[in-house]
Amino acid sequence: MGAILDQGSLLFATCAVIIVSLLSDFSLRGALSIWTAVLPLLALSVVYVPGTLLVTNLVTRQGSLSAAFERDYSPLLTCAAMAWTAINIPMVIAGWLLPLPIVRVVGIVAYLYFAVLMIFAVRTVFGTETRIAVGVVSVSWIPLVAAAFLWGPSISSCGGSPRHSCCFLSFTIFAESSRTWAQGCAAGNTSAGCSKRRLSTRMMATRSISLG
């Protein structure tokens, strides 16, 4: 994760997610779907990464949410996208070679491993302790469940007041995520400096908050 943070490219990570999603769809269903290829990227960029960033910021209190979003969204999305790509490559191979019940077992193990990788991602990007990263990742799935429950009906009907609010919130998050994603892709690498310098900066900021 440190190497991804230092040298990784958000554009490369985005392309990797789309390509692996297409391969996964083809290996499991024997068909190709653009929506199936884009859906994991949308789930990561619009729901999972912003939710993880919000929870981490609430726990660690590393400044305002807008500042944290500007600073950490692209690095965290790059790490999450690379982690998601890594755990899905074995699932693609399993889909080609193994029967469906075994593929499901492989999928369970793969997504548990994704949680492990995200613990390292949160710890590296935010400079948190391991126990805090474990706690954040343990609840990071809640925004995905909430999005599946609320976002789907809101897309089909955006007229009612609760659904209209959810649509507006979803569009706002998507617009902000897209803008930051474009900036991250244009910047090339995911961070302006090395992960060690980010870690030391965060440790100094945390100490200042604690002393204050």
N, C-alpha and C. Protein backbone atom coordinates (compact mmCIF):
# COMPACT_ATOMS: atom_id res chain seq x y z
N MET A 1 0.82 -1.20 0.00
CA MET A 1 0.00 0.00 0.00
C MET A 1 0.86 1.26 0.00
N GLY A 2 2.00 1.19 0.67
CA GLY A 2 2.91 2.33 0.62
C GLY A 2 3.41 2.59 -0.78
N ALA A 3 3.74 1.53 -1.50
CA ALA A 3 4.21 1.69 -2.88
C ALA A 3 3.10 2.24 -3.78
N ILE A 4 1.86 1.76 -3.57
CA ILE A 4 0.74 2.29 -4.35
C ILE A 4 0.53 3.76 -4.05
N LEU A 5 0.64 4.12 -2.78
CA LEU A 5 0.45 5.51 -2.39
C LEU A 5 1.53 6.41 -3.00
N ASP A 6 2.77 5.90 -3.07
CA ASP A 6 3.87 6.70 -3.60
C ASP A 6 3.88 6.77 -5.12
N GLN A 7 3.62 5.64 -5.78
CA GLN A 7 3.86 5.54 -7.21
C GLN A 7 2.62 5.19 -8.02
N GLY A 8 1.52 4.86 -7.34
CA GLY A 8 0.33 4.39 -8.05
C GLY A 8 -0.36 5.49 -8.84
N SER A 9 -1.13 5.08 -9.82
CA SER A 9 -1.88 5.99 -10.67
C SER A 9 -3.36 5.70 -10.52
N LEU A 10 -4.15 6.74 -10.25
CA LEU A 10 -5.59 6.55 -10.14
C LEU A 10 -6.20 6.15 -11.47
N LEU A 11 -5.66 6.68 -12.56
CA LEU A 11 -6.17 6.30 -13.88
C LEU A 11 -5.92 4.83 -14.15
N PHE A 12 -4.72 4.33 -13.82
CA PHE A 12 -4.42 2.91 -14.01
C PHE A 12 -5.34 2.05 -13.14
N ALA A 13 -5.53 2.47 -11.88
CA ALA A 13 -6.39 1.70 -10.97
C ALA A 13 -7.82 1.66 -11.48
N THR A 14 -8.30 2.77 -12.02
CA THR A 14 -9.66 2.81 -12.58
C THR A 14 -9.80 1.88 -13.76
N CYS A 15 -8.85 1.92 -14.67
CA CYS A 15 -8.89 1.02 -15.83
C CYS A 15 -8.81 -0.44 -15.40
N ALA A 16 -8.00 -0.72 -14.37
CA ALA A 16 -7.86 -2.09 -13.89
C ALA A 16 -9.18 -2.62 -13.34
N VAL A 17 -9.91 -1.77 -12.61
CA VAL A 17 -11.21 -2.19 -12.07
C VAL A 17 -12.18 -2.52 -13.21
N ILE A 18 -12.23 -1.67 -14.22
CA ILE A 18 -13.17 -1.89 -15.33
C ILE A 18 -12.80 -3.15 -16.10
N ILE A 19 -11.52 -3.36 -16.38
CA ILE A 19 -11.09 -4.54 -17.14
C ILE A 19 -11.38 -5.82 -16.37
N VAL A 20 -11.02 -5.84 -15.09
CA VAL A 20 -11.26 -7.04 -14.28
C VAL A 20 -12.76 -7.29 -14.11
N SER A 21 -13.56 -6.22 -14.03
CA SER A 21 -15.01 -6.38 -13.93
C SER A 21 -15.56 -7.03 -15.20
N LEU A 22 -15.07 -6.61 -16.36
CA LEU A 22 -15.49 -7.22 -17.62
C LEU A 22 -15.09 -8.69 -17.68
N LEU A 23 -13.85 -9.00 -17.28
CA LEU A 23 -13.39 -10.39 -17.28
C LEU A 23 -14.19 -11.24 -16.30
N SER A 24 -14.51 -10.67 -15.14
CA SER A 24 -15.29 -11.41 -14.15
C SER A 24 -16.69 -11.70 -14.66
N ASP A 25 -17.31 -10.70 -15.28
CA ASP A 25 -18.65 -10.90 -15.84
C ASP A 25 -18.63 -11.95 -16.93
N PHE A 26 -17.60 -11.95 -17.76
CA PHE A 26 -17.52 -12.92 -18.84
C PHE A 26 -17.25 -14.33 -18.31
N SER A 27 -16.40 -14.44 -17.26
CA SER A 27 -16.07 -15.76 -16.73
C SER A 27 -17.24 -16.38 -15.98
N LEU A 28 -18.09 -15.56 -15.36
CA LEU A 28 -19.19 -16.09 -14.56
C LEU A 28 -20.47 -16.25 -15.38
N ARG A 29 -20.74 -15.32 -16.31
CA ARG A 29 -22.00 -15.35 -17.04
C ARG A 29 -21.83 -15.62 -18.53
N GLY A 30 -20.59 -15.56 -19.00
CA GLY A 30 -20.36 -15.75 -20.42
C GLY A 30 -20.84 -14.60 -21.26
N ALA A 31 -20.98 -13.42 -20.66
CA ALA A 31 -21.46 -12.24 -21.37
C ALA A 31 -20.71 -11.02 -20.89
N LEU A 32 -20.80 -9.96 -21.68
CA LEU A 32 -20.15 -8.70 -21.33
C LEU A 32 -21.22 -7.62 -21.16
N SER A 33 -21.12 -6.87 -20.09
CA SER A 33 -22.07 -5.81 -19.81
C SER A 33 -21.31 -4.57 -19.34
N ILE A 34 -21.56 -3.44 -20.00
CA ILE A 34 -20.90 -2.20 -19.61
C ILE A 34 -21.33 -1.79 -18.20
N TRP A 35 -22.61 -1.96 -17.89
CA TRP A 35 -23.10 -1.58 -16.56
C TRP A 35 -22.43 -2.42 -15.48
N THR A 36 -22.28 -3.71 -15.74
CA THR A 36 -21.61 -4.58 -14.77
C THR A 36 -20.16 -4.17 -14.58
N ALA A 37 -19.53 -3.68 -15.63
CA ALA A 37 -18.13 -3.26 -15.55
C ALA A 37 -17.98 -1.96 -14.78
N VAL A 38 -18.96 -1.07 -14.92
CA VAL A 38 -18.86 0.25 -14.29
C VAL A 38 -19.37 0.24 -12.85
N LEU A 39 -20.30 -0.66 -12.53
CA LEU A 39 -20.93 -0.67 -11.21
C LEU A 39 -19.94 -0.80 -10.05
N PRO A 40 -18.95 -1.73 -10.12
CA PRO A 40 -17.97 -1.79 -9.01
C PRO A 40 -17.20 -0.49 -8.83
N LEU A 41 -16.85 0.17 -9.94
CA LEU A 41 -16.13 1.43 -9.84
C LEU A 41 -17.00 2.50 -9.19
N LEU A 42 -18.29 2.54 -9.57
CA LEU A 42 -19.20 3.49 -8.94
C LEU A 42 -19.37 3.20 -7.45
N ALA A 43 -19.48 1.91 -7.11
CA ALA A 43 -19.64 1.54 -5.70
C ALA A 43 -18.43 1.97 -4.88
N LEU A 44 -17.24 1.79 -5.46
CA LEU A 44 -16.03 2.19 -4.75
C LEU A 44 -15.90 3.71 -4.65
N SER A 45 -16.10 4.40 -5.76
CA SER A 45 -15.78 5.83 -5.82
C SER A 45 -16.86 6.71 -5.20
N VAL A 46 -18.13 6.28 -5.27
CA VAL A 46 -19.23 7.13 -4.81
C VAL A 46 -19.72 6.74 -3.43
N VAL A 47 -19.56 5.46 -3.05
CA VAL A 47 -20.13 5.00 -1.78
C VAL A 47 -19.05 4.55 -0.80
N TYR A 48 -18.26 3.54 -1.21
CA TYR A 48 -17.37 2.90 -0.24
C TYR A 48 -16.24 3.82 0.23
N VAL A 49 -15.53 4.42 -0.69
CA VAL A 49 -14.40 5.27 -0.32
C VAL A 49 -14.86 6.53 0.42
N PRO A 50 -15.88 7.27 -0.05
CA PRO A 50 -16.36 8.41 0.75
C PRO A 50 -16.84 7.99 2.13
N GLY A 51 -17.53 6.84 2.23
CA GLY A 51 -17.99 6.37 3.54
C GLY A 51 -16.83 6.02 4.46
N THR A 52 -15.82 5.35 3.92
CA THR A 52 -14.64 5.01 4.72
C THR A 52 -13.90 6.26 5.15
N LEU A 53 -13.82 7.23 4.25
CA LEU A 53 -13.15 8.49 4.58
C LEU A 53 -13.91 9.23 5.68
N LEU A 54 -15.24 9.23 5.60
CA LEU A 54 -16.05 9.91 6.61
C LEU A 54 -15.87 9.26 7.97
N VAL A 55 -15.95 7.92 8.03
CA VAL A 55 -15.81 7.23 9.31
C VAL A 55 -14.43 7.47 9.90
N THR A 56 -13.40 7.40 9.06
CA THR A 56 -12.04 7.62 9.56
C THR A 56 -11.87 9.04 10.10
N ASN A 57 -12.44 10.00 9.39
CA ASN A 57 -12.31 11.39 9.84
C ASN A 57 -13.07 11.62 11.14
N LEU A 58 -14.20 10.96 11.31
CA LEU A 58 -14.94 11.09 12.56
C LEU A 58 -14.17 10.50 13.74
N VAL A 59 -13.47 9.40 13.48
CA VAL A 59 -12.74 8.72 14.55
C VAL A 59 -11.45 9.45 14.89
N THR A 60 -10.70 9.86 13.87
CA THR A 60 -9.37 10.43 14.09
C THR A 60 -9.36 11.95 14.22
N ARG A 61 -10.45 12.61 13.77
CA ARG A 61 -10.55 14.07 13.86
C ARG A 61 -9.34 14.78 13.25
N GLN A 62 -9.13 14.51 11.95
CA GLN A 62 -7.97 15.08 11.25
C GLN A 62 -8.37 16.28 10.40
N GLY A 63 -9.20 17.15 10.93
CA GLY A 63 -9.59 18.34 10.20
C GLY A 63 -10.99 18.22 9.64
N SER A 64 -11.39 19.21 8.85
CA SER A 64 -12.72 19.23 8.27
C SER A 64 -12.87 18.13 7.22
N LEU A 65 -14.13 17.76 7.00
CA LEU A 65 -14.39 16.70 6.03
C LEU A 65 -14.02 17.13 4.62
N SER A 66 -14.28 18.39 4.28
CA SER A 66 -13.94 18.87 2.94
C SER A 66 -12.44 18.82 2.69
N ALA A 67 -11.66 19.21 3.70
CA ALA A 67 -10.20 19.17 3.56
C ALA A 67 -9.71 17.73 3.46
N ALA A 68 -10.30 16.85 4.27
CA ALA A 68 -9.92 15.44 4.22
C ALA A 68 -10.28 14.83 2.87
N PHE A 69 -11.42 15.24 2.32
CA PHE A 69 -11.85 14.72 1.01
C PHE A 69 -10.87 15.15 -0.07
N GLU A 70 -10.48 16.42 -0.06
CA GLU A 70 -9.54 16.92 -1.05
C GLU A 70 -8.19 16.22 -0.94
N ARG A 71 -7.76 15.94 0.28
CA ARG A 71 -6.42 15.41 0.52
C ARG A 71 -6.35 13.90 0.34
N ASP A 72 -7.38 13.18 0.79
CA ASP A 72 -7.26 11.73 0.94
C ASP A 72 -8.12 10.91 0.00
N TYR A 73 -9.06 11.55 -0.71
CA TYR A 73 -9.97 10.76 -1.54
C TYR A 73 -9.24 10.00 -2.64
N SER A 74 -8.43 10.71 -3.41
CA SER A 74 -7.73 10.05 -4.52
C SER A 74 -6.77 8.96 -4.06
N PRO A 75 -5.93 9.20 -3.02
CA PRO A 75 -5.07 8.11 -2.55
C PRO A 75 -5.85 6.91 -2.04
N LEU A 76 -6.94 7.15 -1.28
CA LEU A 76 -7.70 6.03 -0.75
C LEU A 76 -8.42 5.27 -1.86
N LEU A 77 -8.97 5.99 -2.84
CA LEU A 77 -9.63 5.33 -3.95
C LEU A 77 -8.64 4.50 -4.76
N THR A 78 -7.44 5.01 -4.98
CA THR A 78 -6.43 4.26 -5.71
C THR A 78 -6.09 2.96 -4.98
N CYS A 79 -5.86 3.04 -3.68
CA CYS A 79 -5.54 1.84 -2.89
C CYS A 79 -6.71 0.86 -2.90
N ALA A 80 -7.94 1.38 -2.73
CA ALA A 80 -9.12 0.51 -2.72
C ALA A 80 -9.33 -0.16 -4.07
N ALA A 81 -9.14 0.60 -5.15
CA ALA A 81 -9.33 0.03 -6.49
C ALA A 81 -8.29 -1.05 -6.78
N MET A 82 -7.05 -0.82 -6.38
CA MET A 82 -6.02 -1.83 -6.59
C MET A 82 -6.28 -3.07 -5.73
N ALA A 83 -6.76 -2.86 -4.49
CA ALA A 83 -7.11 -4.00 -3.64
C ALA A 83 -8.26 -4.79 -4.24
N TRP A 84 -9.27 -4.08 -4.74
CA TRP A 84 -10.42 -4.77 -5.35
C TRP A 84 -9.98 -5.55 -6.59
N THR A 85 -9.11 -4.96 -7.39
CA THR A 85 -8.61 -5.66 -8.57
C THR A 85 -7.84 -6.91 -8.18
N ALA A 86 -7.01 -6.80 -7.15
CA ALA A 86 -6.19 -7.94 -6.72
C ALA A 86 -7.03 -9.11 -6.26
N ILE A 87 -8.11 -8.83 -5.52
CA ILE A 87 -8.91 -9.96 -4.99
C ILE A 87 -9.84 -10.55 -6.04
N ASN A 88 -10.10 -9.80 -7.11
CA ASN A 88 -10.99 -10.32 -8.14
C ASN A 88 -10.29 -11.12 -9.22
N ILE A 89 -8.97 -10.96 -9.35
CA ILE A 89 -8.25 -11.76 -10.34
C ILE A 89 -8.37 -13.26 -10.05
N PRO A 90 -8.18 -13.73 -8.79
CA PRO A 90 -8.40 -15.16 -8.52
C PRO A 90 -9.84 -15.59 -8.78
N MET A 91 -10.81 -14.68 -8.56
CA MET A 91 -12.21 -15.02 -8.82
C MET A 91 -12.47 -15.20 -10.31
N VAL A 92 -11.79 -14.40 -11.14
CA VAL A 92 -11.92 -14.56 -12.59
C VAL A 92 -11.40 -15.94 -13.01
N ILE A 93 -10.23 -16.31 -12.49
CA ILE A 93 -9.64 -17.62 -12.83
C ILE A 93 -10.52 -18.75 -12.31
N ALA A 94 -11.05 -18.59 -11.09
CA ALA A 94 -11.94 -19.62 -10.53
C ALA A 94 -13.21 -19.76 -11.36
N GLY A 95 -13.73 -18.62 -11.85
CA GLY A 95 -14.93 -18.68 -12.68
C GLY A 95 -14.73 -19.44 -13.97
N TRP A 96 -13.52 -19.42 -14.50
CA TRP A 96 -13.22 -20.17 -15.73
C TRP A 96 -13.00 -21.65 -15.47
N LEU A 97 -12.45 -22.00 -14.30
CA LEU A 97 -11.97 -23.36 -14.08
C LEU A 97 -12.83 -24.19 -13.12
N LEU A 98 -13.57 -23.55 -12.21
CA LEU A 98 -14.22 -24.27 -11.12
C LEU A 98 -15.73 -24.16 -11.21
N PRO A 99 -16.45 -25.12 -10.61
CA PRO A 99 -17.91 -25.02 -10.57
C PRO A 99 -18.37 -23.88 -9.68
N LEU A 100 -19.62 -23.47 -9.89
CA LEU A 100 -20.14 -22.27 -9.22
C LEU A 100 -20.11 -22.36 -7.69
N PRO A 101 -20.45 -23.49 -7.04
CA PRO A 101 -20.40 -23.52 -5.57
C PRO A 101 -19.00 -23.23 -5.02
N ILE A 102 -17.98 -23.73 -5.70
CA ILE A 102 -16.62 -23.47 -5.24
C ILE A 102 -16.23 -22.03 -5.52
N VAL A 103 -16.73 -21.47 -6.62
CA VAL A 103 -16.47 -20.07 -6.93
C VAL A 103 -17.03 -19.17 -5.83
N ARG A 104 -18.18 -19.54 -5.29
CA ARG A 104 -18.77 -18.76 -4.20
C ARG A 104 -17.89 -18.79 -2.96
N VAL A 105 -17.30 -19.94 -2.67
CA VAL A 105 -16.39 -20.05 -1.53
C VAL A 105 -15.16 -19.18 -1.77
N VAL A 106 -14.64 -19.24 -2.99
CA VAL A 106 -13.50 -18.40 -3.34
C VAL A 106 -13.85 -16.92 -3.19
N GLY A 107 -15.08 -16.57 -3.56
CA GLY A 107 -15.52 -15.20 -3.43
C GLY A 107 -15.56 -14.72 -1.99
N ILE A 108 -16.05 -15.58 -1.08
CA ILE A 108 -16.10 -15.22 0.34
C ILE A 108 -14.70 -14.98 0.87
N VAL A 109 -13.78 -15.89 0.54
CA VAL A 109 -12.39 -15.73 1.00
C VAL A 109 -11.77 -14.48 0.40
N ALA A 110 -12.06 -14.22 -0.88
CA ALA A 110 -11.47 -13.07 -1.56
C ALA A 110 -11.92 -11.76 -0.91
N TYR A 111 -13.19 -11.65 -0.58
CA TYR A 111 -13.68 -10.39 -0.02
C TYR A 111 -13.27 -10.23 1.43
N LEU A 112 -13.05 -11.32 2.14
CA LEU A 112 -12.43 -11.20 3.46
C LEU A 112 -11.01 -10.67 3.34
N TYR A 113 -10.31 -11.13 2.31
CA TYR A 113 -8.95 -10.63 2.06
C TYR A 113 -8.98 -9.16 1.64
N PHE A 114 -10.05 -8.75 0.93
CA PHE A 114 -10.20 -7.34 0.58
C PHE A 114 -10.28 -6.48 1.85
N ALA A 115 -10.99 -6.98 2.86
CA ALA A 115 -11.06 -6.26 4.13
C ALA A 115 -9.68 -6.12 4.76
N VAL A 116 -8.88 -7.19 4.68
CA VAL A 116 -7.52 -7.14 5.22
C VAL A 116 -6.69 -6.10 4.47
N LEU A 117 -6.79 -6.10 3.16
CA LEU A 117 -6.04 -5.12 2.37
C LEU A 117 -6.49 -3.70 2.68
N MET A 118 -7.78 -3.51 2.92
CA MET A 118 -8.28 -2.17 3.24
C MET A 118 -7.81 -1.70 4.61
N ILE A 119 -7.57 -2.63 5.52
CA ILE A 119 -6.99 -2.25 6.82
C ILE A 119 -5.63 -1.61 6.59
N PHE A 120 -4.81 -2.23 5.75
CA PHE A 120 -3.50 -1.66 5.43
C PHE A 120 -3.64 -0.35 4.66
N ALA A 121 -4.65 -0.27 3.79
CA ALA A 121 -4.85 0.96 3.02
C ALA A 121 -5.21 2.12 3.94
N VAL A 122 -6.15 1.90 4.86
CA VAL A 122 -6.56 2.95 5.78
C VAL A 122 -5.39 3.35 6.68
N ARG A 123 -4.65 2.36 7.15
CA ARG A 123 -3.51 2.66 8.02
C ARG A 123 -2.44 3.46 7.27
N THR A 124 -2.23 3.16 5.99
CA THR A 124 -1.19 3.83 5.22
C THR A 124 -1.61 5.23 4.80
N VAL A 125 -2.85 5.36 4.30
CA VAL A 125 -3.31 6.67 3.80
C VAL A 125 -3.49 7.67 4.94
N PHE A 126 -4.09 7.22 6.04
CA PHE A 126 -4.43 8.14 7.12
C PHE A 126 -3.39 8.16 8.23
N GLY A 127 -2.44 7.22 8.22
CA GLY A 127 -1.44 7.17 9.27
C GLY A 127 -2.01 6.79 10.62
N THR A 128 -3.07 5.97 10.64
CA THR A 128 -3.72 5.59 11.89
C THR A 128 -3.07 4.33 12.47
N GLU A 129 -3.43 4.03 13.71
CA GLU A 129 -3.01 2.78 14.31
C GLU A 129 -3.80 1.63 13.71
N THR A 130 -3.25 0.43 13.85
CA THR A 130 -3.89 -0.74 13.25
C THR A 130 -5.27 -0.98 13.84
N ARG A 131 -5.42 -0.81 15.14
CA ARG A 131 -6.72 -1.06 15.78
C ARG A 131 -7.79 -0.10 15.26
N ILE A 132 -7.41 1.15 14.98
CA ILE A 132 -8.36 2.10 14.42
C ILE A 132 -8.73 1.71 13.00
N ALA A 133 -7.73 1.29 12.21
CA ALA A 133 -8.00 0.85 10.84
C ALA A 133 -8.92 -0.36 10.82
N VAL A 134 -8.71 -1.29 11.75
CA VAL A 134 -9.59 -2.47 11.83
C VAL A 134 -11.02 -2.04 12.15
N GLY A 135 -11.17 -1.11 13.09
CA GLY A 135 -12.50 -0.64 13.43
C GLY A 135 -13.19 0.06 12.27
N VAL A 136 -12.44 0.88 11.54
CA VAL A 136 -13.01 1.59 10.39
C VAL A 136 -13.47 0.61 9.32
N VAL A 137 -12.62 -0.34 8.98
CA VAL A 137 -12.97 -1.31 7.93
C VAL A 137 -14.12 -2.20 8.38
N SER A 138 -14.23 -2.44 9.68
CA SER A 138 -15.32 -3.29 10.19
C SER A 138 -16.69 -2.69 9.94
N VAL A 139 -16.77 -1.36 9.87
CA VAL A 139 -18.06 -0.71 9.63
C VAL A 139 -18.15 -0.07 8.24
N SER A 140 -17.11 -0.23 7.44
CA SER A 140 -17.08 0.43 6.13
C SER A 140 -18.07 -0.16 5.15
N TRP A 141 -18.61 -1.36 5.45
CA TRP A 141 -19.59 -1.99 4.56
C TRP A 141 -20.98 -1.38 4.73
N ILE A 142 -21.21 -0.66 5.83
CA ILE A 142 -22.55 -0.12 6.10
C ILE A 142 -23.01 0.85 5.02
N PRO A 143 -22.16 1.79 4.54
CA PRO A 143 -22.61 2.67 3.45
C PRO A 143 -23.02 1.91 2.19
N LEU A 144 -22.36 0.80 1.89
CA LEU A 144 -22.73 0.01 0.71
C LEU A 144 -24.13 -0.58 0.88
N VAL A 145 -24.43 -1.10 2.07
CA VAL A 145 -25.76 -1.66 2.33
C VAL A 145 -26.82 -0.57 2.26
N ALA A 146 -26.51 0.59 2.86
CA ALA A 146 -27.44 1.71 2.82
C ALA A 146 -27.69 2.17 1.39
N ALA A 147 -26.63 2.21 0.59
CA ALA A 147 -26.78 2.64 -0.80
C ALA A 147 -27.63 1.65 -1.59
N ALA A 148 -27.41 0.35 -1.36
CA ALA A 148 -28.20 -0.66 -2.06
C ALA A 148 -29.67 -0.56 -1.68
N PHE A 149 -29.94 -0.17 -0.44
CA PHE A 149 -31.31 -0.09 0.05
C PHE A 149 -32.02 1.19 -0.39
N LEU A 150 -31.28 2.30 -0.43
CA LEU A 150 -31.89 3.60 -0.69
C LEU A 150 -31.67 4.10 -2.10
N TRP A 151 -30.47 3.85 -2.64
CA TRP A 151 -30.10 4.45 -3.91
C TRP A 151 -30.89 3.86 -5.08
N GLY A 152 -31.13 2.54 -5.03
CA GLY A 152 -31.86 1.89 -6.12
C GLY A 152 -33.24 2.47 -6.33
N PRO A 153 -34.11 2.48 -5.28
CA PRO A 153 -35.42 3.08 -5.46
C PRO A 153 -35.37 4.56 -5.81
N SER A 154 -34.35 5.26 -5.33
CA SER A 154 -34.26 6.70 -5.60
C SER A 154 -33.98 6.97 -7.06
N ILE A 155 -33.24 6.09 -7.70
CA ILE A 155 -32.94 6.28 -9.12
C ILE A 155 -34.20 6.13 -9.96
N SER A 156 -35.06 5.16 -9.57
CA SER A 156 -36.26 4.92 -10.35
C SER A 156 -37.32 6.00 -10.13
N SER A 157 -37.30 6.64 -8.97
CA SER A 157 -38.28 7.70 -8.69
C SER A 157 -37.63 8.74 -7.80
N CYS A 158 -37.40 9.93 -8.34
CA CYS A 158 -36.73 10.98 -7.59
C CYS A 158 -37.69 12.12 -7.28
N GLY A 159 -38.96 11.83 -7.21
CA GLY A 159 -39.91 12.90 -6.98
C GLY A 159 -40.27 13.11 -5.53
N GLY A 160 -40.41 12.02 -4.74
CA GLY A 160 -40.82 12.14 -3.35
C GLY A 160 -39.76 12.81 -2.51
N SER A 161 -40.18 13.32 -1.36
CA SER A 161 -39.25 14.11 -0.55
C SER A 161 -38.06 13.31 -0.04
N PRO A 162 -38.24 12.09 0.59
CA PRO A 162 -37.05 11.37 1.04
C PRO A 162 -36.19 10.92 -0.13
N ARG A 163 -36.86 10.43 -1.17
CA ARG A 163 -36.12 9.95 -2.33
C ARG A 163 -35.46 11.11 -3.07
N HIS A 164 -36.14 12.24 -3.12
CA HIS A 164 -35.54 13.40 -3.77
C HIS A 164 -34.29 13.84 -3.02
N SER A 165 -34.34 13.80 -1.70
CA SER A 165 -33.16 14.17 -0.90
C SER A 165 -32.03 13.18 -1.14
N CYS A 166 -32.37 11.90 -1.20
CA CYS A 166 -31.33 10.88 -1.43
C CYS A 166 -30.73 11.04 -2.81
N CYS A 167 -31.57 11.36 -3.80
CA CYS A 167 -31.07 11.59 -5.16
C CYS A 167 -30.12 12.78 -5.18
N PHE A 168 -30.53 13.86 -4.53
CA PHE A 168 -29.69 15.05 -4.50
C PHE A 168 -28.36 14.76 -3.81
N LEU A 169 -28.41 14.03 -2.67
CA LEU A 169 -27.18 13.68 -1.97
C LEU A 169 -26.29 12.79 -2.82
N SER A 170 -26.90 11.81 -3.50
CA SER A 170 -26.12 10.91 -4.36
C SER A 170 -25.46 11.68 -5.50
N PHE A 171 -26.22 12.60 -6.10
CA PHE A 171 -25.66 13.39 -7.19
C PHE A 171 -24.53 14.28 -6.69
N THR A 172 -24.71 14.87 -5.50
CA THR A 172 -23.67 15.75 -4.94
C THR A 172 -22.39 14.97 -4.69
N ILE A 173 -22.52 13.78 -4.06
CA ILE A 173 -21.35 12.95 -3.79
C ILE A 173 -20.70 12.52 -5.09
N PHE A 174 -21.53 12.15 -6.07
CA PHE A 174 -20.99 11.71 -7.36
C PHE A 174 -20.25 12.84 -8.05
N ALA A 175 -20.82 14.05 -8.02
CA ALA A 175 -20.17 15.18 -8.66
C ALA A 175 -18.85 15.50 -8.00
N GLU A 176 -18.84 15.53 -6.66
CA GLU A 176 -17.60 15.84 -5.94
C GLU A 176 -16.57 14.74 -6.16
N SER A 177 -17.02 13.48 -6.14
CA SER A 177 -16.11 12.36 -6.36
C SER A 177 -15.53 12.40 -7.76
N SER A 178 -16.38 12.72 -8.75
CA SER A 178 -15.91 12.79 -10.13
C SER A 178 -14.88 13.89 -10.31
N ARG A 179 -15.12 15.04 -9.67
CA ARG A 179 -14.17 16.15 -9.78
C ARG A 179 -12.83 15.77 -9.17
N THR A 180 -12.88 15.18 -7.97
CA THR A 180 -11.63 14.78 -7.31
C THR A 180 -10.96 13.64 -8.05
N TRP A 181 -11.76 12.73 -8.60
CA TRP A 181 -11.20 11.62 -9.39
C TRP A 181 -10.47 12.18 -10.61
N ALA A 182 -11.07 13.16 -11.29
CA ALA A 182 -10.43 13.75 -12.47
C ALA A 182 -9.13 14.45 -12.09
N GLN A 183 -9.13 15.13 -10.96
CA GLN A 183 -7.91 15.78 -10.50
C GLN A 183 -6.83 14.76 -10.20
N GLY A 184 -7.24 13.62 -9.56
CA GLY A 184 -6.27 12.58 -9.24
C GLY A 184 -5.68 11.94 -10.48
N CYS A 185 -6.52 11.71 -11.49
CA CYS A 185 -6.02 11.13 -12.74
C CYS A 185 -5.09 12.10 -13.45
N ALA A 186 -5.43 13.38 -13.42
CA ALA A 186 -4.59 14.36 -14.09
C ALA A 186 -3.25 14.54 -13.38
N ALA A 187 -3.25 14.30 -12.06
CA ALA A 187 -2.02 14.49 -11.30
C ALA A 187 -1.01 13.40 -11.52
N GLY A 188 -1.45 12.26 -12.06
CA GLY A 188 -0.52 11.15 -12.29
C GLY A 188 -0.43 10.27 -11.08
N ASN A 189 0.52 10.53 -10.19
CA ASN A 189 0.65 9.76 -8.96
C ASN A 189 -0.46 10.15 -8.00
N THR A 190 -0.70 9.29 -7.01
CA THR A 190 -1.81 9.50 -6.10
C THR A 190 -1.51 10.52 -5.04
N SER A 191 -0.28 10.83 -4.79
CA SER A 191 0.05 11.76 -3.72
C SER A 191 1.14 12.71 -4.16
N ALA A 192 1.17 13.82 -3.48
CA ALA A 192 2.20 14.81 -3.82
C ALA A 192 3.54 14.46 -3.22
N GLY A 193 3.56 13.59 -2.23
CA GLY A 193 4.80 13.21 -1.59
C GLY A 193 4.79 11.74 -1.22
N CYS A 194 5.80 11.31 -0.51
CA CYS A 194 5.89 9.90 -0.17
C CYS A 194 5.01 9.59 1.03
N SER A 195 4.71 8.29 1.22
CA SER A 195 3.82 7.88 2.30
C SER A 195 4.44 8.14 3.66
N LYS A 196 5.75 8.06 3.78
CA LYS A 196 6.40 8.33 5.06
C LYS A 196 6.20 9.79 5.46
N ARG A 197 6.30 10.70 4.49
CA ARG A 197 6.11 12.10 4.81
C ARG A 197 4.66 12.37 5.19
N ARG A 198 3.71 11.72 4.52
CA ARG A 198 2.31 11.85 4.88
C ARG A 198 2.07 11.34 6.29
N LEU A 199 2.70 10.21 6.62
CA LEU A 199 2.52 9.63 7.95
C LEU A 199 3.06 10.56 9.03
N SER A 200 4.26 11.11 8.81
CA SER A 200 4.83 12.00 9.81
C SER A 200 4.01 13.27 9.96
N THR A 201 3.48 13.78 8.84
CA THR A 201 2.64 14.97 8.90
C THR A 201 1.38 14.71 9.69
N ARG A 202 0.79 13.54 9.49
CA ARG A 202 -0.43 13.21 10.22
C ARG A 202 -0.15 13.01 11.70
N MET A 203 0.97 12.41 12.02
CA MET A 203 1.31 12.23 13.43
C MET A 203 1.48 13.58 14.11
N MET A 204 2.10 14.54 13.43
CA MET A 204 2.26 15.87 14.00
C MET A 204 0.91 16.55 14.17
N ALA A 205 0.01 16.37 13.18
CA ALA A 205 -1.31 16.98 13.27
C ALA A 205 -2.11 16.37 14.42
N THR A 206 -2.00 15.03 14.58
CA THR A 206 -2.71 14.36 15.66
C THR A 206 -2.21 14.82 17.01
N ARG A 207 -0.90 15.01 17.14
CA ARG A 207 -0.34 15.50 18.39
C ARG A 207 -0.82 16.92 18.68
N SER A 208 -0.90 17.74 17.65
CA SER A 208 -1.36 19.11 17.86
C SER A 208 -2.81 19.12 18.32
N ILE A 209 -3.65 18.26 17.74
CA ILE A 209 -5.05 18.19 18.16
C ILE A 209 -5.15 17.71 19.59
N SER A 210 -4.34 16.71 19.95
CA SER A 210 -4.36 16.18 21.31
C SER A 210 -3.90 17.22 22.32
N LEU A 211 -2.84 17.97 21.98
CA LEU A 211 -2.35 19.00 22.89
C LEU A 211 -3.35 20.14 23.02
N GLY A 212 -4.06 20.41 21.88
CA GLY A 212 -5.04 21.48 21.92
C GLY A 212 -6.23 21.12 22.77
